[in-house]
Amino acid sequence: MAARLLALAAAVWLAGAGAAAAAFSDWSAVVVAGDFHAHDGGPTEAFDNARRDVSAALARAGFQARHIRQFSVRPERYADTNPQKAEPRAIAEAMKQLSAQTPGGCLFYLSSHGAPAGAQLDQGILPPGALATMLDQSCGPRPTVVVISACYSGVFVNSLARPNRMVLTAARPDRTSFGCGQDNKYPFFDDCFLSSMPRTRDFNGLAGAVRECVRRREITEKVSPPSEPQFWVGAQLRPLLPLYAFDAPPNLD
């Protein structure tokens, strides 16, 4: 009985928040490629490939194209997707603008290098506290999903934790992630995110699938120590996540 009442309350909350059959039609999404260097210093398309294809995957899942904003450190190279320059001020302003148009919720996705102090963003570091402030000032109490694909990205979890948020990171606070070479199409984590999304129904299921995919990929590639992606969901959002279903039905083949 308690579970049924909780589900009913969640459904009522979603209706009041404007959720409909297309659960993400009134959500914003900001997707950022924070660097273009491989781990050896040479150029790589891995982060921008992830930016481009994660944005497309979100559109297939039900996010409206006009509510998705992309950022790159080399935007002039990508006329097909028209990203903006990946600068903290521009990203923060876009988040505020989009949130004014999308009362349903927010998504923030960053693919880049990382360090114990935060994630690489062009020539500098985006610290966890700075991103927390950006999210507080734009998304506020809306349901919010944050995905950080970077080495040491677990450092973001504590700073970003709010009752209305889900946080998924590519690694523990003290571990690297993998797949940032010149020849990689995507970092391992982003590859797993993209390959797992068509096979899952919501972000809760996606997080579990991504973590298992990363674990298997690292074993296959014989890299260590394991990155151990981190997953955290606030108490307010936890019962609601299953109600935010992706538009495309899972492909279980």
C-alpha atoms as a PDB file:
ATOM      1  CA  MET A   1       0.000   0.000   0.000  1.00  0.00           C
ATOM      2  CA  ALA A   2       2.807   2.433   0.888  1.00  0.00           C
ATOM      3  CA  ALA A   3       4.489   1.794  -2.441  1.00  0.00           C
ATOM      4  CA  ARG A   4       1.231   2.432  -4.319  1.00  0.00           C
ATOM      5  CA  LEU A   5       0.665   5.673  -2.451  1.00  0.00           C
ATOM      6  CA  LEU A   6       4.228   6.776  -3.193  1.00  0.00           C
ATOM      7  CA  ALA A   7       3.776   6.033  -6.891  1.00  0.00           C
ATOM      8  CA  LEU A   8       0.476   7.908  -6.939  1.00  0.00           C
ATOM      9  CA  ALA A   9       2.033  10.917  -5.215  1.00  0.00           C
ATOM     10  CA  ALA A  10       4.896  10.869  -7.706  1.00  0.00           C
ATOM     11  CA  ALA A  11       2.487  10.775 -10.637  1.00  0.00           C
ATOM     12  CA  VAL A  12       0.575  13.731  -9.241  1.00  0.00           C
ATOM     13  CA  TRP A  13       3.824  15.641  -8.707  1.00  0.00           C
ATOM     14  CA  LEU A  14       4.870  14.978 -12.286  1.00  0.00           C
ATOM     15  CA  ALA A  15       1.524  16.144 -13.633  1.00  0.00           C
ATOM     16  CA  GLY A  16       1.851  19.348 -11.650  1.00  0.00           C
ATOM     17  CA  ALA A  17       5.363  19.847 -12.995  1.00  0.00           C
ATOM     18  CA  GLY A  18       4.132  19.586 -16.563  1.00  0.00           C
ATOM     19  CA  ALA A  19       5.345  16.057 -17.375  1.00  0.00           C
ATOM     20  CA  ALA A  20       3.333  14.339 -20.090  1.00  0.00           C
ATOM     21  CA  ALA A  21       3.637  11.357 -22.400  1.00  0.00           C
ATOM     22  CA  ALA A  22       6.859  12.885 -23.711  1.00  0.00           C
ATOM     23  CA  ALA A  23       8.569  13.054 -20.348  1.00  0.00           C
ATOM     24  CA  PHE A  24      11.438  15.304 -21.448  1.00  0.00           C
ATOM     25  CA  SER A  25       9.618  17.688 -23.781  1.00  0.00           C
ATOM     26  CA  ASP A  26       9.959  20.486 -21.219  1.00  0.00           C
ATOM     27  CA  TRP A  27      13.483  19.660 -20.034  1.00  0.00           C
ATOM     28  CA  SER A  28      16.641  21.533 -20.994  1.00  0.00           C
ATOM     29  CA  ALA A  29      19.918  19.843 -21.891  1.00  0.00           C
ATOM     30  CA  VAL A  30      23.414  21.341 -21.994  1.00  0.00           C
ATOM     31  CA  VAL A  31      26.092  19.055 -23.464  1.00  0.00           C
ATOM     32  CA  VAL A  32      29.733  20.133 -23.288  1.00  0.00           C
ATOM     33  CA  ALA A  33      32.989  18.899 -24.819  1.00  0.00           C
ATOM     34  CA  GLY A  34      35.570  20.442 -22.506  1.00  0.00           C
ATOM     35  CA  ASP A  35      38.812  19.670 -24.357  1.00  0.00           C
ATOM     36  CA  PHE A  36      40.217  18.388 -27.654  1.00  0.00           C
ATOM     37  CA  HIS A  37      43.530  16.915 -26.502  1.00  0.00           C
ATOM     38  CA  ALA A  38      44.201  13.225 -26.134  1.00  0.00           C
ATOM     39  CA  HIS A  39      45.958  11.915 -23.036  1.00  0.00           C
ATOM     40  CA  ASP A  40      49.283  12.167 -24.885  1.00  0.00           C
ATOM     41  CA  GLY A  41      48.703  15.812 -25.835  1.00  0.00           C
ATOM     42  CA  GLY A  42      47.794  15.211 -29.466  1.00  0.00           C
ATOM     43  CA  PRO A  43      44.389  16.113 -30.924  1.00  0.00           C
ATOM     44  CA  THR A  44      41.338  13.890 -30.500  1.00  0.00           C
ATOM     45  CA  GLU A  45      37.738  14.045 -31.642  1.00  0.00           C
ATOM     46  CA  ALA A  46      36.582  11.783 -28.793  1.00  0.00           C
ATOM     47  CA  PHE A  47      35.033  14.495 -26.624  1.00  0.00           C
ATOM     48  CA  ASP A  48      33.321  16.278 -29.504  1.00  0.00           C
ATOM     49  CA  ASN A  49      32.072  12.994 -30.908  1.00  0.00           C
ATOM     50  CA  ALA A  50      30.521  12.335 -27.511  1.00  0.00           C
ATOM     51  CA  ARG A  51      29.013  15.832 -27.389  1.00  0.00           C
ATOM     52  CA  ARG A  52      27.450  15.437 -30.811  1.00  0.00           C
ATOM     53  CA  ASP A  53      26.118  11.923 -30.344  1.00  0.00           C
ATOM     54  CA  VAL A  54      24.903  12.317 -26.758  1.00  0.00           C
ATOM     55  CA  SER A  55      22.904  15.341 -27.939  1.00  0.00           C
ATOM     56  CA  ALA A  56      21.380  13.247 -30.725  1.00  0.00           C
ATOM     57  CA  ALA A  57      20.596  10.419 -28.289  1.00  0.00           C
ATOM     58  CA  LEU A  58      18.825  12.850 -25.964  1.00  0.00           C
ATOM     59  CA  ALA A  59      16.713  14.101 -28.870  1.00  0.00           C
ATOM     60  CA  ARG A  60      15.697  10.514 -29.653  1.00  0.00           C
ATOM     61  CA  ALA A  61      14.838  10.019 -25.979  1.00  0.00           C
ATOM     62  CA  GLY A  62      12.362  12.915 -26.052  1.00  0.00           C
ATOM     63  CA  PHE A  63      14.331  16.112 -25.435  1.00  0.00           C
ATOM     64  CA  GLN A  64      13.303  18.867 -27.858  1.00  0.00           C
ATOM     65  CA  ALA A  65      16.064  20.026 -30.217  1.00  0.00           C
ATOM     66  CA  ARG A  66      15.358  23.674 -29.401  1.00  0.00           C
ATOM     67  CA  HIS A  67      16.019  22.920 -25.733  1.00  0.00           C
ATOM     68  CA  ILE A  68      19.412  21.262 -26.308  1.00  0.00           C
ATOM     69  CA  ARG A  69      22.514  23.470 -26.336  1.00  0.00           C
ATOM     70  CA  GLN A  70      25.961  22.156 -27.297  1.00  0.00           C
ATOM     71  CA  PHE A  71      29.388  23.588 -26.384  1.00  0.00           C
ATOM     72  CA  SER A  72      32.854  22.865 -27.780  1.00  0.00           C
ATOM     73  CA  VAL A  73      36.311  24.347 -27.308  1.00  0.00           C
ATOM     74  CA  ARG A  74      36.618  24.407 -31.121  1.00  0.00           C
ATOM     75  CA  PRO A  75      33.097  25.331 -32.252  1.00  0.00           C
ATOM     76  CA  GLU A  76      34.259  26.650 -35.614  1.00  0.00           C
ATOM     77  CA  ARG A  77      35.006  23.063 -36.716  1.00  0.00           C
ATOM     78  CA  TYR A  78      31.450  21.785 -36.271  1.00  0.00           C
ATOM     79  CA  ALA A  79      29.026  23.741 -38.445  1.00  0.00           C
ATOM     80  CA  ASP A  80      26.763  20.687 -38.650  1.00  0.00           C
ATOM     81  CA  THR A  81      25.890  20.869 -34.945  1.00  0.00           C
ATOM     82  CA  ASN A  82      26.576  24.579 -34.355  1.00  0.00           C
ATOM     83  CA  PRO A  83      28.005  24.388 -30.826  1.00  0.00           C
ATOM     84  CA  GLN A  84      28.871  27.499 -28.854  1.00  0.00           C
ATOM     85  CA  LYS A  85      32.296  28.202 -27.378  1.00  0.00           C
ATOM     86  CA  ALA A  86      32.815  26.163 -24.215  1.00  0.00           C
ATOM     87  CA  GLU A  87      33.391  28.968 -21.709  1.00  0.00           C
ATOM     88  CA  PRO A  88      32.011  28.931 -18.148  1.00  0.00           C
ATOM     89  CA  ARG A  89      30.153  32.226 -18.486  1.00  0.00           C
ATOM     90  CA  ALA A  90      28.522  31.258 -21.782  1.00  0.00           C
ATOM     91  CA  ILE A  91      27.507  27.861 -20.400  1.00  0.00           C
ATOM     92  CA  ALA A  92      26.025  29.396 -17.253  1.00  0.00           C
ATOM     93  CA  GLU A  93      24.081  31.944 -19.293  1.00  0.00           C
ATOM     94  CA  ALA A  94      22.723  29.258 -21.606  1.00  0.00           C
ATOM     95  CA  MET A  95      21.630  27.184 -18.626  1.00  0.00           C
ATOM     96  CA  LYS A  96      19.687  30.142 -17.237  1.00  0.00           C
ATOM     97  CA  GLN A  97      18.091  30.954 -20.592  1.00  0.00           C
ATOM     98  CA  LEU A  98      17.049  27.382 -21.236  1.00  0.00           C
ATOM     99  CA  SER A  99      15.693  26.910 -17.720  1.00  0.00           C
ATOM    100  CA  ALA A 100      13.410  29.896 -18.195  1.00  0.00           C
ATOM    101  CA  GLN A 101      11.805  27.996 -21.092  1.00  0.00           C
ATOM    102  CA  THR A 102      11.781  24.493 -19.599  1.00  0.00           C
ATOM    103  CA  PRO A 103      10.001  24.090 -16.265  1.00  0.00           C
ATOM    104  CA  GLY A 104      10.140  20.293 -16.359  1.00  0.00           C
ATOM    105  CA  GLY A 105      13.777  19.633 -15.553  1.00  0.00           C
ATOM    106  CA  CYS A 106      17.464  19.984 -16.466  1.00  0.00           C
ATOM    107  CA  LEU A 107      20.237  17.807 -17.795  1.00  0.00           C
ATOM    108  CA  PHE A 108      23.944  18.688 -17.832  1.00  0.00           C
ATOM    109  CA  TYR A 109      26.509  16.458 -19.564  1.00  0.00           C
ATOM    110  CA  LEU A 110      30.256  17.135 -19.715  1.00  0.00           C
ATOM    111  CA  SER A 111      32.855  15.010 -21.523  1.00  0.00           C
ATOM    112  CA  SER A 112      36.461  16.032 -20.926  1.00  0.00           C
ATOM    113  CA  HIS A 113      39.652  15.344 -19.049  1.00  0.00           C
ATOM    114  CA  GLY A 114      39.580  15.604 -15.290  1.00  0.00           C
ATOM    115  CA  ALA A 115      41.744  16.217 -12.255  1.00  0.00           C
ATOM    116  CA  PRO A 116      41.216  16.001  -8.494  1.00  0.00           C
ATOM    117  CA  ALA A 117      40.278  19.696  -8.599  1.00  0.00           C
ATOM    118  CA  GLY A 118      37.541  19.273 -11.223  1.00  0.00           C
ATOM    119  CA  ALA A 119      36.991  18.842 -14.966  1.00  0.00           C
ATOM    120  CA  GLN A 120      38.942  20.422 -17.795  1.00  0.00           C
ATOM    121  CA  LEU A 121      37.039  23.220 -19.528  1.00  0.00           C
ATOM    122  CA  ASP A 122      39.059  24.728 -22.371  1.00  0.00           C
ATOM    123  CA  GLN A 123      42.195  26.213 -20.757  1.00  0.00           C
ATOM    124  CA  GLY A 124      41.017  25.947 -17.170  1.00  0.00           C
ATOM    125  CA  ILE A 125      39.350  23.722 -14.593  1.00  0.00           C
ATOM    126  CA  LEU A 126      35.643  23.702 -13.765  1.00  0.00           C
ATOM    127  CA  PRO A 127      35.560  22.997 -10.002  1.00  0.00           C
ATOM    128  CA  PRO A 128      32.661  21.054  -8.470  1.00  0.00           C
ATOM    129  CA  GLY A 129      31.573  24.075  -6.440  1.00  0.00           C
ATOM    130  CA  ALA A 130      31.362  26.273  -9.531  1.00  0.00           C
ATOM    131  CA  LEU A 131      29.163  23.763 -11.343  1.00  0.00           C
ATOM    132  CA  ALA A 132      26.991  23.406  -8.241  1.00  0.00           C
ATOM    133  CA  THR A 133      26.428  27.170  -8.245  1.00  0.00           C
ATOM    134  CA  MET A 134      25.568  27.153 -11.960  1.00  0.00           C
ATOM    135  CA  LEU A 135      22.994  24.417 -11.405  1.00  0.00           C
ATOM    136  CA  ASP A 136      21.549  26.080  -8.302  1.00  0.00           C
ATOM    137  CA  GLN A 137      21.113  29.378 -10.137  1.00  0.00           C
ATOM    138  CA  SER A 138      19.585  27.890 -13.281  1.00  0.00           C
ATOM    139  CA  CYS A 139      17.825  24.618 -12.512  1.00  0.00           C
ATOM    140  CA  GLY A 140      17.046  25.294  -8.856  1.00  0.00           C
ATOM    141  CA  PRO A 141      14.575  22.732  -7.448  1.00  0.00           C
ATOM    142  CA  ARG A 142      13.701  21.156 -10.814  1.00  0.00           C
ATOM    143  CA  PRO A 143      14.491  17.474 -11.348  1.00  0.00           C
ATOM    144  CA  THR A 144      18.100  17.496 -12.574  1.00  0.00           C
ATOM    145  CA  VAL A 145      20.376  14.871 -14.122  1.00  0.00           C
ATOM    146  CA  VAL A 146      24.136  15.555 -14.154  1.00  0.00           C
ATOM    147  CA  VAL A 147      26.622  13.341 -16.012  1.00  0.00           C
ATOM    148  CA  ILE A 148      30.362  14.020 -15.777  1.00  0.00           C
ATOM    149  CA  SER A 149      32.593  11.927 -18.023  1.00  0.00           C
ATOM    150  CA  ALA A 150      36.157  12.616 -16.891  1.00  0.00           C
ATOM    151  CA  CYS A 151      38.987  11.258 -14.793  1.00  0.00           C
ATOM    152  CA  TYR A 152      38.475  11.788 -11.045  1.00  0.00           C
ATOM    153  CA  SER A 153      34.904  12.943 -11.762  1.00  0.00           C
ATOM    154  CA  GLY A 154      33.631  11.384  -8.538  1.00  0.00           C
ATOM    155  CA  VAL A 155      34.869  14.590  -6.877  1.00  0.00           C
ATOM    156  CA  PHE A 156      31.680  16.224  -8.176  1.00  0.00           C
ATOM    157  CA  VAL A 157      29.228  14.013  -6.291  1.00  0.00           C
ATOM    158  CA  ASN A 158      29.310  15.615  -2.840  1.00  0.00           C
ATOM    159  CA  SER A 159      29.194  19.174  -4.159  1.00  0.00           C
ATOM    160  CA  LEU A 160      26.333  18.489  -6.566  1.00  0.00           C
ATOM    161  CA  ALA A 161      24.234  16.319  -4.262  1.00  0.00           C
ATOM    162  CA  ARG A 162      20.732  17.749  -3.798  1.00  0.00           C
ATOM    163  CA  PRO A 163      17.416  15.983  -3.069  1.00  0.00           C
ATOM    164  CA  ASN A 164      16.210  16.728  -6.625  1.00  0.00           C
ATOM    165  CA  ARG A 165      19.342  15.551  -8.465  1.00  0.00           C
ATOM    166  CA  MET A 166      20.884  12.474 -10.002  1.00  0.00           C
ATOM    167  CA  VAL A 167      24.668  12.478 -10.473  1.00  0.00           C
ATOM    168  CA  LEU A 168      26.503   9.935 -12.621  1.00  0.00           C
ATOM    169  CA  THR A 169      30.282  10.162 -13.011  1.00  0.00           C
ATOM    170  CA  ALA A 170      32.827   8.207 -15.041  1.00  0.00           C
ATOM    171  CA  ALA A 171      35.150   7.477 -12.126  1.00  0.00           C
ATOM    172  CA  ARG A 172      35.739   7.527  -8.405  1.00  0.00           C
ATOM    173  CA  PRO A 173      37.245  10.686  -6.905  1.00  0.00           C
ATOM    174  CA  ASP A 174      40.656   8.995  -6.831  1.00  0.00           C
ATOM    175  CA  ARG A 175      40.565   7.100 -10.127  1.00  0.00           C
ATOM    176  CA  THR A 176      41.123   7.845 -13.789  1.00  0.00           C
ATOM    177  CA  SER A 177      38.746   6.875 -16.568  1.00  0.00           C
ATOM    178  CA  PHE A 178      39.858   5.548 -19.959  1.00  0.00           C
ATOM    179  CA  GLY A 179      39.515   5.963 -23.712  1.00  0.00           C
ATOM    180  CA  CYS A 180      40.877   9.467 -24.350  1.00  0.00           C
ATOM    181  CA  GLY A 181      43.420   8.552 -27.003  1.00  0.00           C
ATOM    182  CA  GLN A 182      43.832  10.085 -30.436  1.00  0.00           C
ATOM    183  CA  ASP A 183      42.260   7.040 -32.078  1.00  0.00           C
ATOM    184  CA  ASN A 184      39.298   6.614 -29.701  1.00  0.00           C
ATOM    185  CA  LYS A 185      35.903   7.516 -31.154  1.00  0.00           C
ATOM    186  CA  TYR A 186      34.616   8.160 -27.629  1.00  0.00           C
ATOM    187  CA  PRO A 187      35.960   7.790 -24.094  1.00  0.00           C
ATOM    188  CA  PHE A 188      34.924   4.399 -22.679  1.00  0.00           C
ATOM    189  CA  PHE A 189      32.272   5.928 -20.411  1.00  0.00           C
ATOM    190  CA  ASP A 190      30.617   7.942 -23.207  1.00  0.00           C
ATOM    191  CA  ASP A 191      30.708   4.901 -25.478  1.00  0.00           C
ATOM    192  CA  CYS A 192      28.902   2.909 -22.792  1.00  0.00           C
ATOM    193  CA  PHE A 193      26.369   5.697 -22.235  1.00  0.00           C
ATOM    194  CA  LEU A 194      25.535   5.782 -25.942  1.00  0.00           C
ATOM    195  CA  SER A 195      25.416   2.015 -26.435  1.00  0.00           C
ATOM    196  CA  SER A 196      23.352   1.441 -23.281  1.00  0.00           C
ATOM    197  CA  MET A 197      20.756   4.169 -23.769  1.00  0.00           C
ATOM    198  CA  PRO A 198      18.755   2.381 -26.508  1.00  0.00           C
ATOM    199  CA  ARG A 199      18.532  -0.673 -24.235  1.00  0.00           C
ATOM    200  CA  THR A 200      17.159   1.061 -21.149  1.00  0.00           C
ATOM    201  CA  ARG A 201      13.907   2.784 -20.241  1.00  0.00           C
ATOM    202  CA  ASP A 202      15.037   5.598 -17.963  1.00  0.00           C
ATOM    203  CA  PHE A 203      18.068   7.235 -16.375  1.00  0.00           C
ATOM    204  CA  ASN A 204      17.990   4.931 -13.377  1.00  0.00           C
ATOM    205  CA  GLY A 205      18.325   1.858 -15.572  1.00  0.00           C
ATOM    206  CA  LEU A 206      20.819   3.633 -17.814  1.00  0.00           C
ATOM    207  CA  ALA A 207      23.146   4.384 -14.900  1.00  0.00           C
ATOM    208  CA  GLY A 208      23.310   0.730 -13.917  1.00  0.00           C
ATOM    209  CA  ALA A 209      23.849  -0.377 -17.500  1.00  0.00           C
ATOM    210  CA  VAL A 210      26.627   2.158 -18.046  1.00  0.00           C
ATOM    211  CA  ARG A 211      28.475   1.111 -14.919  1.00  0.00           C
ATOM    212  CA  GLU A 212      28.340  -2.558 -15.911  1.00  0.00           C
ATOM    213  CA  CYS A 213      29.381  -1.736 -19.486  1.00  0.00           C
ATOM    214  CA  VAL A 214      32.389   0.239 -18.251  1.00  0.00           C
ATOM    215  CA  ARG A 215      33.381  -2.592 -15.917  1.00  0.00           C
ATOM    216  CA  ARG A 216      33.301  -5.140 -18.752  1.00  0.00           C
ATOM    217  CA  ARG A 217      35.079  -2.824 -21.202  1.00  0.00           C
ATOM    218  CA  GLU A 218      37.940  -2.195 -18.796  1.00  0.00           C
ATOM    219  CA  ILE A 219      38.373  -5.930 -18.223  1.00  0.00           C
ATOM    220  CA  THR A 220      38.392  -6.569 -21.966  1.00  0.00           C
ATOM    221  CA  GLU A 221      40.904  -3.783 -22.584  1.00  0.00           C
ATOM    222  CA  LYS A 222      42.991  -4.906 -19.577  1.00  0.00           C
ATOM    223  CA  VAL A 223      43.230  -1.429 -18.067  1.00  0.00           C
ATOM    224  CA  SER A 224      43.519  -0.832 -14.340  1.00  0.00           C
ATOM    225  CA  PRO A 225      42.766   0.158 -11.720  1.00  0.00           C
ATOM    226  CA  PRO A 226      39.031   0.099 -12.564  1.00  0.00           C
ATOM    227  CA  SER A 227      37.478   3.542 -12.807  1.00  0.00           C
ATOM    228  CA  GLU A 228      34.346   2.561 -10.823  1.00  0.00           C
ATOM    229  CA  PRO A 229      31.743   5.084 -12.089  1.00  0.00           C
ATOM    230  CA  GLN A 230      29.747   6.696  -9.297  1.00  0.00           C
ATOM    231  CA  PHE A 231      25.945   6.973  -9.127  1.00  0.00           C
ATOM    232  CA  TRP A 232      23.975   9.081  -6.653  1.00  0.00           C
ATOM    233  CA  VAL A 233      20.259   9.985  -6.554  1.00  0.00           C
ATOM    234  CA  GLY A 234      18.601  12.378  -4.121  1.00  0.00           C
ATOM    235  CA  ALA A 235      15.663  11.221  -2.011  1.00  0.00           C
ATOM    236  CA  GLN A 236      13.181  13.505  -3.757  1.00  0.00           C
ATOM    237  CA  LEU A 237      14.097  12.359  -7.257  1.00  0.00           C
ATOM    238  CA  ARG A 238      14.596   8.656  -6.536  1.00  0.00           C
ATOM    239  CA  PRO A 239      10.926   7.551  -6.739  1.00  0.00           C
ATOM    240  CA  LEU A 240      10.307   9.798  -9.750  1.00  0.00           C
ATOM    241  CA  LEU A 241      13.097   8.647 -12.067  1.00  0.00           C
ATOM    242  CA  PRO A 242      11.196   5.570 -13.354  1.00  0.00           C
ATOM    243  CA  LEU A 243       8.338   7.864 -14.375  1.00  0.00           C
ATOM    244  CA  TYR A 244      10.634   9.838 -16.672  1.00  0.00           C
ATOM    245  CA  ALA A 245      10.779   7.268 -19.455  1.00  0.00           C
ATOM    246  CA  PHE A 246      12.705   7.649 -22.695  1.00  0.00           C
ATOM    247  CA  ASP A 247      10.556   8.048 -25.811  1.00  0.00           C
ATOM    248  CA  ALA A 248      12.190   5.265 -27.798  1.00  0.00           C
ATOM    249  CA  PRO A 249      11.312   1.753 -26.501  1.00  0.00           C
ATOM    250  CA  PRO A 250      14.308  -0.286 -25.337  1.00  0.00           C
ATOM    251  CA  ASN A 251      16.092  -2.339 -27.983  1.00  0.00           C
ATOM    252  CA  LEU A 252      16.741  -5.598 -26.169  1.00  0.00           C
ATOM    253  CA  ASP A 253      18.145  -7.559 -29.112  1.00  0.00           C
END
